[in-house]
C-alpha atoms as a PDB file:
ATOM      1  CA  UNK A   1       0.000   0.000   0.000  1.00  0.00           C
ATOM      2  CA  UNK A   2       2.863   2.366   0.780  1.00  0.00           C
ATOM      3  CA  UNK A   3       4.378   1.825  -2.672  1.00  0.00           C
ATOM      4  CA  UNK A   4       1.089   2.946  -4.242  1.00  0.00           C
ATOM      5  CA  UNK A   5       1.453   6.257  -2.395  1.00  0.00           C
ATOM      6  CA  UNK A   6       4.997   6.706  -3.690  1.00  0.00           C
ATOM      7  CA  UNK A   7       3.910   5.818  -7.197  1.00  0.00           C
ATOM      8  CA  UNK A   8       0.985   8.239  -7.036  1.00  0.00           C
ATOM      9  CA  UNK A   9       3.261  11.003  -5.731  1.00  0.00           C
ATOM     10  CA  UNK A  10       5.774  10.326  -8.495  1.00  0.00           C
ATOM     11  CA  UNK A  11       3.170  10.460 -11.271  1.00  0.00           C
ATOM     12  CA  UNK A  12       1.464  13.471  -9.702  1.00  0.00           C
ATOM     13  CA  UNK A  13       4.767  15.334  -9.597  1.00  0.00           C
ATOM     14  CA  UNK A  14       5.619  14.325 -13.143  1.00  0.00           C
ATOM     15  CA  UNK A  15       2.252  15.507 -14.445  1.00  0.00           C
ATOM     16  CA  UNK A  16       2.435  18.757 -12.467  1.00  0.00           C
ATOM     17  CA  UNK A  17       5.936  19.432 -13.806  1.00  0.00           C
ATOM     18  CA  UNK A  18       4.863  18.782 -17.368  1.00  0.00           C
ATOM     19  CA  UNK A  19       1.811  21.003 -16.986  1.00  0.00           C
ATOM     20  CA  UNK A  20       3.815  23.869 -15.500  1.00  0.00           C
ATOM     21  CA  UNK A  21       6.390  23.492 -18.272  1.00  0.00           C
ATOM     22  CA  UNK A  22       3.690  23.685 -20.898  1.00  0.00           C
ATOM     23  CA  UNK A  23       2.031  26.639 -19.211  1.00  0.00           C
ATOM     24  CA  UNK A  24       5.290  28.572 -19.233  1.00  0.00           C
ATOM     25  CA  UNK A  25       5.937  27.780 -22.894  1.00  0.00           C
ATOM     26  CA  UNK A  26       5.549  30.717 -25.297  1.00  0.00           C
ATOM     27  CA  UNK A  27       2.359  29.582 -27.014  1.00  0.00           C
ATOM     28  CA  UNK A  28      -1.241  30.714 -27.095  1.00  0.00           C
ATOM     29  CA  UNK A  29      -3.179  29.722 -23.994  1.00  0.00           C
ATOM     30  CA  UNK A  30      -5.754  27.795 -26.007  1.00  0.00           C
ATOM     31  CA  UNK A  31      -3.053  25.730 -27.735  1.00  0.00           C
ATOM     32  CA  UNK A  32      -1.385  25.032 -24.408  1.00  0.00           C
ATOM     33  CA  UNK A  33      -4.655  23.940 -22.766  1.00  0.00           C
ATOM     34  CA  UNK A  34      -5.335  21.628 -25.708  1.00  0.00           C
ATOM     35  CA  UNK A  35      -1.877  20.049 -25.340  1.00  0.00           C
ATOM     36  CA  UNK A  36      -2.378  19.601 -21.598  1.00  0.00           C
ATOM     37  CA  UNK A  37      -5.817  18.059 -22.110  1.00  0.00           C
ATOM     38  CA  UNK A  38      -4.463  15.652 -24.730  1.00  0.00           C
ATOM     39  CA  UNK A  39      -1.522  14.700 -22.484  1.00  0.00           C
ATOM     40  CA  UNK A  40      -3.798  14.046 -19.514  1.00  0.00           C
ATOM     41  CA  UNK A  41      -6.150  11.961 -21.684  1.00  0.00           C
ATOM     42  CA  UNK A  42      -3.230   9.885 -23.018  1.00  0.00           C
ATOM     43  CA  UNK A  43      -1.992   9.293 -19.447  1.00  0.00           C
ATOM     44  CA  UNK A  44      -5.466   8.238 -18.320  1.00  0.00           C
ATOM     45  CA  UNK A  45      -5.881   5.822 -21.224  1.00  0.00           C
ATOM     46  CA  UNK A  46      -2.483   4.292 -20.514  1.00  0.00           C
ATOM     47  CA  UNK A  47      -3.379   3.766 -16.835  1.00  0.00           C
ATOM     48  CA  UNK A  48      -7.045   2.852 -17.438  1.00  0.00           C
ATOM     49  CA  UNK A  49      -8.460   5.842 -15.539  1.00  0.00           C
ATOM     50  CA  UNK A  50     -11.995   6.793 -16.526  1.00  0.00           C
ATOM     51  CA  UNK A  51     -12.881  10.503 -16.703  1.00  0.00           C
ATOM     52  CA  UNK A  52     -15.030  12.352 -19.215  1.00  0.00           C
ATOM     53  CA  UNK A  53     -13.525  14.989 -21.509  1.00  0.00           C
ATOM     54  CA  UNK A  54     -15.427  17.622 -19.495  1.00  0.00           C
ATOM     55  CA  UNK A  55     -13.862  16.389 -16.237  1.00  0.00           C
ATOM     56  CA  UNK A  56     -10.413  16.445 -17.839  1.00  0.00           C
ATOM     57  CA  UNK A  57     -11.044  19.944 -19.182  1.00  0.00           C
ATOM     58  CA  UNK A  58     -12.131  21.100 -15.714  1.00  0.00           C
ATOM     59  CA  UNK A  59      -8.983  19.564 -14.222  1.00  0.00           C
ATOM     60  CA  UNK A  60      -6.812  21.367 -16.779  1.00  0.00           C
ATOM     61  CA  UNK A  61      -8.589  24.664 -16.055  1.00  0.00           C
ATOM     62  CA  UNK A  62      -8.054  24.184 -12.308  1.00  0.00           C
ATOM     63  CA  UNK A  63      -4.347  23.546 -12.879  1.00  0.00           C
ATOM     64  CA  UNK A  64      -4.089  26.597 -15.141  1.00  0.00           C
ATOM     65  CA  UNK A  65      -5.764  28.755 -12.488  1.00  0.00           C
ATOM     66  CA  UNK A  66      -3.159  27.930  -9.855  1.00  0.00           C
ATOM     67  CA  UNK A  67      -0.145  28.036 -12.190  1.00  0.00           C
ATOM     68  CA  UNK A  68       2.009  31.177 -12.018  1.00  0.00           C
ATOM     69  CA  UNK A  69       1.280  33.859 -14.618  1.00  0.00           C
ATOM     70  CA  UNK A  70       4.065  35.161 -16.843  1.00  0.00           C
END
């Protein structure tokens, strides 16, 4: 059970790092959000996690809201 926590923390950190990196990239916000949404969807498919596109979009918006502005 403890290893699941470490694994979850690792993947959470990796996703957060990727999202922050994409958010700081010099692209349009809409393009960046689309990339983040696609990346999250690919990750969920790979790990058999079920969320609707709307839920993923909401998650991406929440992440974008807390990310630092440039």
